[in-house]
PDB file of N, CA and C in Angstrom:
ATOM      1  N   MET A   1     -24.309 -12.755   1.470  1.00  0.00           N
ATOM      2  CA  MET A   1     -22.910 -12.893   1.866  1.00  0.00           C
ATOM      3  C   MET A   1     -22.038 -11.836   1.161  1.00  0.00           C
ATOM      4  N   ALA A   2     -21.235 -11.198   1.926  1.00  0.00           N
ATOM      5  CA  ALA A   2     -20.364 -10.152   1.409  1.00  0.00           C
ATOM      6  C   ALA A   2     -19.161 -10.761   0.680  1.00  0.00           C
ATOM      7  N   ALA A   3     -18.699 -10.050  -0.320  1.00  0.00           N
ATOM      8  CA  ALA A   3     -17.512 -10.479  -1.065  1.00  0.00           C
ATOM      9  C   ALA A   3     -16.280 -10.262  -0.175  1.00  0.00           C
ATOM     10  N   GLU A   4     -15.319 -11.149  -0.312  1.00  0.00           N
ATOM     11  CA  GLU A   4     -14.088 -11.062   0.501  1.00  0.00           C
ATOM     12  C   GLU A   4     -12.880 -11.187  -0.412  1.00  0.00           C
ATOM     13  N   ARG A   5     -11.815 -10.543  -0.027  1.00  0.00           N
ATOM     14  CA  ARG A   5     -10.546 -10.606  -0.753  1.00  0.00           C
ATOM     15  C   ARG A   5      -9.514 -11.197   0.201  1.00  0.00           C
ATOM     16  N   LYS A   6      -8.767 -12.186  -0.307  1.00  0.00           N
ATOM     17  CA  LYS A   6      -7.743 -12.830   0.490  1.00  0.00           C
ATOM     18  C   LYS A   6      -6.458 -12.940  -0.343  1.00  0.00           C
ATOM     19  N   ALA A   7      -5.360 -12.397   0.175  1.00  0.00           N
ATOM     20  CA  ALA A   7      -4.069 -12.500  -0.529  1.00  0.00           C
ATOM     21  C   ALA A   7      -3.600 -13.937  -0.452  1.00  0.00           C
ATOM     22  N   ILE A   8      -3.258 -14.481  -1.625  1.00  0.00           N
ATOM     23  CA  ILE A   8      -2.819 -15.899  -1.677  1.00  0.00           C
ATOM     24  C   ILE A   8      -1.418 -16.072  -2.145  1.00  0.00           C
ATOM     25  N   SER A   9      -0.819 -15.062  -2.726  1.00  0.00           N
ATOM     26  CA  SER A   9       0.518 -15.194  -3.273  1.00  0.00           C
ATOM     27  C   SER A   9       1.196 -13.820  -3.348  1.00  0.00           C
ATOM     28  N   GLY A  10       2.451 -13.803  -3.000  1.00  0.00           N
ATOM     29  CA  GLY A  10       3.203 -12.545  -3.106  1.00  0.00           C
ATOM     30  C   GLY A  10       4.453 -12.701  -3.929  1.00  0.00           C
ATOM     31  N   LYS A  11       4.793 -11.658  -4.699  1.00  0.00           N
ATOM     32  CA  LYS A  11       6.003 -11.655  -5.506  1.00  0.00           C
ATOM     33  C   LYS A  11       6.685 -10.302  -5.331  1.00  0.00           C
ATOM     34  N   LEU A  12       7.986 -10.295  -5.495  1.00  0.00           N
ATOM     35  CA  LEU A  12       8.763  -9.040  -5.577  1.00  0.00           C
ATOM     36  C   LEU A  12       9.518  -9.020  -6.890  1.00  0.00           C
ATOM     37  N   LYS A  13       9.469  -7.875  -7.553  1.00  0.00           N
ATOM     38  CA  LYS A  13      10.256  -7.648  -8.731  1.00  0.00           C
ATOM     39  C   LYS A  13      11.272  -6.576  -8.397  1.00  0.00           C
ATOM     40  N   LEU A  14      12.550  -6.934  -8.479  1.00  0.00           N
ATOM     41  CA  LEU A  14      13.638  -5.992  -8.183  1.00  0.00           C
ATOM     42  C   LEU A  14      14.167  -5.475  -9.519  1.00  0.00           C
ATOM     43  N   VAL A  15      14.261  -4.169  -9.645  1.00  0.00           N
ATOM     44  CA  VAL A  15      14.787  -3.530 -10.845  1.00  0.00           C
ATOM     45  C   VAL A  15      16.265  -3.186 -10.581  1.00  0.00           C
ATOM     46  N   ILE A  16      17.128  -3.646 -11.464  1.00  0.00           N
ATOM     47  CA  ILE A  16      18.567  -3.436 -11.305  1.00  0.00           C
ATOM     48  C   ILE A  16      19.046  -2.567 -12.495  1.00  0.00           C
ATOM     49  N   SER A  17      19.748  -1.478 -12.185  1.00  0.00           N
ATOM     50  CA  SER A  17      20.233  -0.554 -13.227  1.00  0.00           C
ATOM     51  C   SER A  17      21.748  -0.806 -13.429  1.00  0.00           C
ATOM     52  N   TYR A  18      22.114  -0.725 -14.732  1.00  0.00           N
ATOM     53  CA  TYR A  18      23.550  -0.911 -15.073  1.00  0.00           C
ATOM     54  C   TYR A  18      23.816  -0.154 -16.377  1.00  0.00           C
ATOM     55  N   ASN A  19      25.069   0.040 -16.663  1.00  0.00           N
ATOM     56  CA  ASN A  19      25.503   0.647 -17.907  1.00  0.00           C
ATOM     57  C   ASN A  19      26.005  -0.435 -18.849  1.00  0.00           C
ATOM     58  N   ASP A  20      25.536  -0.430 -20.118  1.00  0.00           N
ATOM     59  CA  ASP A  20      25.989  -1.402 -21.086  1.00  0.00           C
ATOM     60  C   ASP A  20      27.350  -1.022 -21.646  1.00  0.00           C
ATOM     61  N   GLU A  21      27.812  -1.806 -22.622  1.00  0.00           N
ATOM     62  CA  GLU A  21      29.165  -1.565 -23.170  1.00  0.00           C
ATOM     63  C   GLU A  21      29.305  -0.202 -23.838  1.00  0.00           C
ATOM     64  N   ASN A  22      28.178   0.455 -24.232  1.00  0.00           N
ATOM     65  CA  ASN A  22      28.195   1.776 -24.820  1.00  0.00           C
ATOM     66  C   ASN A  22      27.917   2.857 -23.799  1.00  0.00           C
ATOM     67  N   ASP A  23      27.922   2.486 -22.565  1.00  0.00           N
ATOM     68  CA  ASP A  23      27.680   3.396 -21.423  1.00  0.00           C
ATOM     69  C   ASP A  23      26.237   3.915 -21.378  1.00  0.00           C
ATOM     70  N   ASN A  24      25.317   3.190 -22.003  1.00  0.00           N
ATOM     71  CA  ASN A  24      23.893   3.523 -21.916  1.00  0.00           C
ATOM     72  C   ASN A  24      23.276   2.900 -20.637  1.00  0.00           C
ATOM     73  N   LEU A  25      22.460   3.698 -19.969  1.00  0.00           N
ATOM     74  CA  LEU A  25      21.795   3.189 -18.760  1.00  0.00           C
ATOM     75  C   LEU A  25      20.733   2.158 -19.158  1.00  0.00           C
ATOM     76  N   CYS A  26      20.789   0.993 -18.578  1.00  0.00           N
ATOM     77  CA  CYS A  26      19.816  -0.087 -18.893  1.00  0.00           C
ATOM     78  C   CYS A  26      19.272  -0.616 -17.543  1.00  0.00           C
ATOM     79  N   GLU A  27      18.184  -1.380 -17.700  1.00  0.00           N
ATOM     80  CA  GLU A  27      17.590  -2.013 -16.501  1.00  0.00           C
ATOM     81  C   GLU A  27      17.296  -3.465 -16.813  1.00  0.00           C
ATOM     82  N   LYS A  28      17.419  -4.291 -15.772  1.00  0.00           N
ATOM     83  CA  LYS A  28      16.959  -5.638 -15.832  1.00  0.00           C
ATOM     84  C   LYS A  28      16.164  -5.901 -14.556  1.00  0.00           C
ATOM     85  N   SER A  29      15.399  -6.989 -14.545  1.00  0.00           N
ATOM     86  CA  SER A  29      14.609  -7.246 -13.333  1.00  0.00           C
ATOM     87  C   SER A  29      14.831  -8.706 -12.906  1.00  0.00           C
ATOM     88  N   VAL A  30      14.651  -8.873 -11.610  1.00  0.00           N
ATOM     89  CA  VAL A  30      14.720 -10.190 -10.995  1.00  0.00           C
ATOM     90  C   VAL A  30      13.467 -10.371 -10.197  1.00  0.00           C
ATOM     91  N   GLN A  31      12.833 -11.517 -10.341  1.00  0.00           N
ATOM     92  CA  GLN A  31      11.594 -11.757  -9.577  1.00  0.00           C
ATOM     93  C   GLN A  31      11.794 -12.857  -8.569  1.00  0.00           C
ATOM     94  N   MET A  32      11.144 -12.659  -7.442  1.00  0.00           N
ATOM     95  CA  MET A  32      11.088 -13.672  -6.380  1.00  0.00           C
ATOM     96  C   MET A  32       9.596 -13.957  -6.164  1.00  0.00           C
ATOM     97  N   ARG A  33       9.235 -15.202  -6.036  1.00  0.00           N
ATOM     98  CA  ARG A  33       7.824 -15.545  -5.905  1.00  0.00           C
ATOM     99  C   ARG A  33       7.602 -16.446  -4.718  1.00  0.00           C
ATOM    100  N   ASN A  34       6.341 -16.703  -4.467  1.00  0.00           N
ATOM    101  CA  ASN A  34       5.897 -17.542  -3.326  1.00  0.00           C
ATOM    102  C   ASN A  34       6.327 -16.936  -1.996  1.00  0.00           C
ATOM    103  N   LEU A  35       6.213 -15.640  -1.905  1.00  0.00           N
ATOM    104  CA  LEU A  35       6.560 -14.922  -0.679  1.00  0.00           C
ATOM    105  C   LEU A  35       5.327 -14.683   0.187  1.00  0.00           C
ATOM    106  N   VAL A  36       5.528 -14.495   1.436  1.00  0.00           N
ATOM    107  CA  VAL A  36       4.411 -14.174   2.318  1.00  0.00           C
ATOM    108  C   VAL A  36       3.880 -12.781   1.988  1.00  0.00           C
ATOM    109  N   THR A  37       2.638 -12.539   2.242  1.00  0.00           N
ATOM    110  CA  THR A  37       2.049 -11.253   1.965  1.00  0.00           C
ATOM    111  C   THR A  37       1.866 -10.493   3.294  1.00  0.00           C
ATOM    112  N   GLY A  38       1.639  -9.206   3.194  1.00  0.00           N
ATOM    113  CA  GLY A  38       1.348  -8.416   4.376  1.00  0.00           C
ATOM    114  C   GLY A  38       2.597  -8.043   5.167  1.00  0.00           C
ATOM    115  N   VAL A  39       3.778  -8.133   4.573  1.00  0.00           N
ATOM    116  CA  VAL A  39       5.020  -7.788   5.286  1.00  0.00           C
ATOM    117  C   VAL A  39       5.141  -6.267   5.347  1.00  0.00           C
ATOM    118  N   GLU A  40       5.607  -5.774   6.462  1.00  0.00           N
ATOM    119  CA  GLU A  40       5.805  -4.326   6.624  1.00  0.00           C
ATOM    120  C   GLU A  40       6.794  -3.833   5.546  1.00  0.00           C
ATOM    121  N   PRO A  41       6.505  -2.667   4.929  1.00  0.00           N
ATOM    122  CA  PRO A  41       7.381  -2.144   3.900  1.00  0.00           C
ATOM    123  C   PRO A  41       8.838  -1.976   4.341  1.00  0.00           C
ATOM    124  N   ALA A  42       9.050  -1.579   5.572  1.00  0.00           N
ATOM    125  CA  ALA A  42      10.423  -1.398   6.082  1.00  0.00           C
ATOM    126  C   ALA A  42      11.168  -2.737   6.074  1.00  0.00           C
ATOM    127  N   ASN A  43      10.468  -3.798   6.366  1.00  0.00           N
ATOM    128  CA  ASN A  43      11.100  -5.146   6.373  1.00  0.00           C
ATOM    129  C   ASN A  43      11.440  -5.590   4.964  1.00  0.00           C
ATOM    130  N   VAL A  44      10.582  -5.204   3.970  1.00  0.00           N
ATOM    131  CA  VAL A  44      10.880  -5.515   2.580  1.00  0.00           C
ATOM    132  C   VAL A  44      12.166  -4.783   2.159  1.00  0.00           C
ATOM    133  N   ILE A  45      12.244  -3.497   2.508  1.00  0.00           N
ATOM    134  CA  ILE A  45      13.451  -2.725   2.197  1.00  0.00           C
ATOM    135  C   ILE A  45      14.705  -3.314   2.793  1.00  0.00           C
ATOM    136  N   THR A  46      14.611  -3.758   4.027  1.00  0.00           N
ATOM    137  CA  THR A  46      15.777  -4.357   4.718  1.00  0.00           C
ATOM    138  C   THR A  46      16.191  -5.633   3.965  1.00  0.00           C
ATOM    139  N   ALA A  47      15.240  -6.473   3.610  1.00  0.00           N
ATOM    140  CA  ALA A  47      15.537  -7.725   2.888  1.00  0.00           C
ATOM    141  C   ALA A  47      16.140  -7.468   1.518  1.00  0.00           C
ATOM    142  N   VAL A  48      15.563  -6.499   0.800  1.00  0.00           N
ATOM    143  CA  VAL A  48      16.066  -6.175  -0.529  1.00  0.00           C
ATOM    144  C   VAL A  48      17.463  -5.588  -0.469  1.00  0.00           C
ATOM    145  N   ASN A  49      17.722  -4.762   0.539  1.00  0.00           N
ATOM    146  CA  ASN A  49      19.086  -4.223   0.700  1.00  0.00           C
ATOM    147  C   ASN A  49      20.089  -5.362   0.934  1.00  0.00           C
ATOM    148  N   ALA A  50      19.724  -6.379   1.688  1.00  0.00           N
ATOM    149  CA  ALA A  50      20.619  -7.489   1.915  1.00  0.00           C
ATOM    150  C   ALA A  50      20.797  -8.313   0.610  1.00  0.00           C
ATOM    151  N   ILE A  51      19.708  -8.565  -0.092  1.00  0.00           N
ATOM    152  CA  ILE A  51      19.817  -9.323  -1.352  1.00  0.00           C
ATOM    153  C   ILE A  51      20.617  -8.545  -2.384  1.00  0.00           C
ATOM    154  N   GLY A  52      20.453  -7.191  -2.383  1.00  0.00           N
ATOM    155  CA  GLY A  52      21.147  -6.348  -3.290  1.00  0.00           C
ATOM    156  C   GLY A  52      22.653  -6.474  -3.231  1.00  0.00           C
ATOM    157  N   THR A  53      23.181  -6.870  -2.097  1.00  0.00           N
ATOM    158  CA  THR A  53      24.648  -7.025  -1.958  1.00  0.00           C
ATOM    159  C   THR A  53      25.155  -8.198  -2.805  1.00  0.00           C
ATOM    160  N   LEU A  54      24.252  -9.045  -3.294  1.00  0.00           N
ATOM    161  CA  LEU A  54      24.672 -10.195  -4.129  1.00  0.00           C
ATOM    162  C   LEU A  54      24.848  -9.816  -5.587  1.00  0.00           C
ATOM    163  N   TYR A  55      24.440  -8.585  -5.930  1.00  0.00           N
ATOM    164  CA  TYR A  55      24.540  -8.131  -7.327  1.00  0.00           C
ATOM    165  C   TYR A  55      25.598  -7.069  -7.474  1.00  0.00           C
ATOM    166  N   GLU A  56      26.260  -7.010  -8.617  1.00  0.00           N
ATOM    167  CA  GLU A  56      27.272  -5.997  -8.874  1.00  0.00           C
ATOM    168  C   GLU A  56      26.665  -4.631  -9.035  1.00  0.00           C
ATOM    169  N   ASP A  57      25.457  -4.601  -9.613  1.00  0.00           N
ATOM    170  CA  ASP A  57      24.798  -3.330  -9.900  1.00  0.00           C
ATOM    171  C   ASP A  57      23.720  -3.043  -8.873  1.00  0.00           C
ATOM    172  N   PRO A  58      23.342  -1.796  -8.675  1.00  0.00           N
ATOM    173  CA  PRO A  58      22.399  -1.439  -7.612  1.00  0.00           C
ATOM    174  C   PRO A  58      20.944  -1.795  -7.943  1.00  0.00           C
ATOM    175  N   VAL A  59      20.214  -2.155  -6.926  1.00  0.00           N
ATOM    176  CA  VAL A  59      18.749  -2.332  -7.034  1.00  0.00           C
ATOM    177  C   VAL A  59      18.160  -0.905  -6.979  1.00  0.00           C
ATOM    178  N   THR A  60      17.456  -0.489  -8.031  1.00  0.00           N
ATOM    179  CA  THR A  60      16.961   0.870  -8.118  1.00  0.00           C
ATOM    180  C   THR A  60      15.432   0.934  -8.008  1.00  0.00           C
ATOM    181  N   GLY A  61      14.758  -0.233  -7.943  1.00  0.00           N
ATOM    182  CA  GLY A  61      13.324  -0.200  -7.807  1.00  0.00           C
ATOM    183  C   GLY A  61      12.822  -1.516  -7.223  1.00  0.00           C
ATOM    184  N   ILE A  62      11.725  -1.410  -6.484  1.00  0.00           N
ATOM    185  CA  ILE A  62      11.080  -2.589  -5.873  1.00  0.00           C
ATOM    186  C   ILE A  62       9.616  -2.544  -6.202  1.00  0.00           C
ATOM    187  N   HIS A  63       9.105  -3.622  -6.794  1.00  0.00           N
ATOM    188  CA  HIS A  63       7.689  -3.717  -7.132  1.00  0.00           C
ATOM    189  C   HIS A  63       7.135  -4.929  -6.404  1.00  0.00           C
ATOM    190  N   GLU A  64       6.081  -4.732  -5.630  1.00  0.00           N
ATOM    191  CA  GLU A  64       5.428  -5.833  -4.951  1.00  0.00           C
ATOM    192  C   GLU A  64       4.147  -6.192  -5.750  1.00  0.00           C
ATOM    193  N   ILE A  65       4.038  -7.469  -6.006  1.00  0.00           N
ATOM    194  CA  ILE A  65       2.864  -7.987  -6.744  1.00  0.00           C
ATOM    195  C   ILE A  65       2.112  -8.966  -5.831  1.00  0.00           C
ATOM    196  N   VAL A  66       0.857  -8.723  -5.586  1.00  0.00           N
ATOM    197  CA  VAL A  66       0.055  -9.580  -4.692  1.00  0.00           C
ATOM    198  C   VAL A  66      -1.075 -10.148  -5.502  1.00  0.00           C
ATOM    199  N   GLU A  67      -1.221 -11.468  -5.439  1.00  0.00           N
ATOM    200  CA  GLU A  67      -2.343 -12.139  -6.112  1.00  0.00           C
ATOM    201  C   GLU A  67      -3.418 -12.370  -5.047  1.00  0.00           C
ATOM    202  N   ASN A  68      -4.643 -11.955  -5.356  1.00  0.00           N
ATOM    203  CA  ASN A  68      -5.762 -12.099  -4.415  1.00  0.00           C
ATOM    204  C   ASN A  68      -6.773 -13.065  -4.967  1.00  0.00           C
ATOM    205  N   GLU A  69      -7.438 -13.757  -4.028  1.00  0.00           N
ATOM    206  CA  GLU A  69      -8.585 -14.569  -4.343  1.00  0.00           C
ATOM    207  C   GLU A  69      -9.810 -13.819  -3.820  1.00  0.00           C
ATOM    208  N   ILE A  70     -10.825 -13.696  -4.686  1.00  0.00           N
ATOM    209  CA  ILE A  70     -12.072 -12.992  -4.262  1.00  0.00           C
ATOM    210  C   ILE A  70     -13.199 -14.021  -4.277  1.00  0.00           C
ATOM    211  N   THR A  71     -13.888 -14.078  -3.163  1.00  0.00           N
ATOM    212  CA  THR A  71     -14.997 -15.008  -3.023  1.00  0.00           C
ATOM    213  C   THR A  71     -16.247 -14.220  -2.583  1.00  0.00           C
ATOM    214  N   ALA A  72     -17.387 -14.854  -2.894  1.00  0.00           N
ATOM    215  CA  ALA A  72     -18.644 -14.213  -2.469  1.00  0.00           C
ATOM    216  C   ALA A  72     -19.376 -15.095  -1.460  1.00  0.00           C
TER     217      ALA A  72
END
Protein backbone atom coordinates (compact mmCIF):
# COMPACT_ATOMS: atom_id res chain seq x y z
CA MET A 1 0.00 0.00 0.00
CA ALA A 2 1.35 3.41 -0.96
CA ALA A 3 1.64 6.19 1.58
CA GLU A 4 -0.90 8.98 1.21
CA ARG A 5 -1.05 12.57 2.42
CA LYS A 6 -4.36 14.25 3.20
CA ALA A 7 -4.78 17.86 4.33
CA ILE A 8 -6.90 17.91 7.47
CA SER A 9 -6.59 21.46 8.77
CA GLY A 10 -5.74 24.88 7.42
CA LYS A 11 -4.60 28.05 9.17
CA LEU A 12 -3.67 31.54 8.04
CA LYS A 13 -1.27 33.80 9.88
CA LEU A 14 -1.58 37.45 8.93
CA VAL A 15 1.39 39.70 9.67
CA ILE A 16 0.43 43.28 10.52
CA SER A 17 3.06 46.06 10.53
CA TYR A 18 2.83 49.19 12.65
CA ASN A 19 5.00 51.88 14.20
CA ASP A 20 5.31 51.94 18.00
CA GLU A 21 5.39 55.04 20.19
CA ASN A 22 9.10 55.54 19.31
CA ASP A 23 8.33 55.27 15.58
CA ASN A 24 10.04 51.85 15.35
CA LEU A 25 8.58 49.45 12.79
CA CYS A 26 7.02 46.47 14.59
CA GLU A 27 4.99 43.44 13.58
CA LYS A 28 2.20 41.48 15.17
CA SER A 29 0.35 38.47 13.86
CA VAL A 30 -3.22 37.27 13.83
CA GLN A 31 -4.09 33.63 13.24
CA MET A 32 -7.24 32.12 11.82
CA ARG A 33 -7.74 28.39 12.10
CA ASN A 34 -10.08 25.59 11.04
CA LEU A 35 -10.09 26.87 7.46
CA VAL A 36 -10.64 24.81 4.36
CA THR A 37 -7.54 23.69 2.50
CA GLY A 38 -6.78 23.86 -1.21
CA VAL A 39 -8.16 27.36 -1.74
CA GLU A 40 -6.79 29.19 -4.78
CA PRO A 41 -4.12 31.74 -3.75
CA ALA A 42 -6.00 34.58 -5.47
CA ASN A 43 -9.06 33.84 -3.32
CA VAL A 44 -6.91 33.91 -0.18
CA ILE A 45 -5.58 37.33 -1.20
CA THR A 46 -9.12 38.61 -1.82
CA ALA A 47 -10.30 37.38 1.60
CA VAL A 48 -7.26 38.79 3.41
CA ASN A 49 -7.70 42.17 1.71
CA ALA A 50 -11.28 42.28 2.97
CA ILE A 51 -10.27 41.23 6.50
CA GLY A 52 -7.44 43.76 6.43
CA THR A 53 -9.96 46.59 6.29
CA LEU A 54 -10.89 45.72 9.89
CA TYR A 55 -7.40 46.68 11.14
CA GLU A 56 -5.91 50.16 11.44
CA ASP A 57 -2.51 48.93 10.27
CA PRO A 58 -1.76 47.15 6.98
CA VAL A 59 -1.47 43.39 6.52
CA THR A 60 2.07 42.96 5.19
CA GLY A 61 2.38 39.19 5.07
CA ILE A 62 0.27 36.06 4.69
CA HIS A 63 1.43 32.64 5.85
CA GLU A 64 -0.62 29.54 5.11
CA ILE A 65 -0.14 26.59 7.45
CA VAL A 66 -1.57 23.21 6.42
CA GLU A 67 -1.68 20.20 8.72
CA ASN A 68 -1.50 16.88 6.89
CA GLU A 69 -2.32 13.34 7.92
CA ILE A 70 -0.05 10.69 6.41
CA THR A 71 -1.22 7.12 6.23
CA ALA A 72 0.26 3.95 4.78
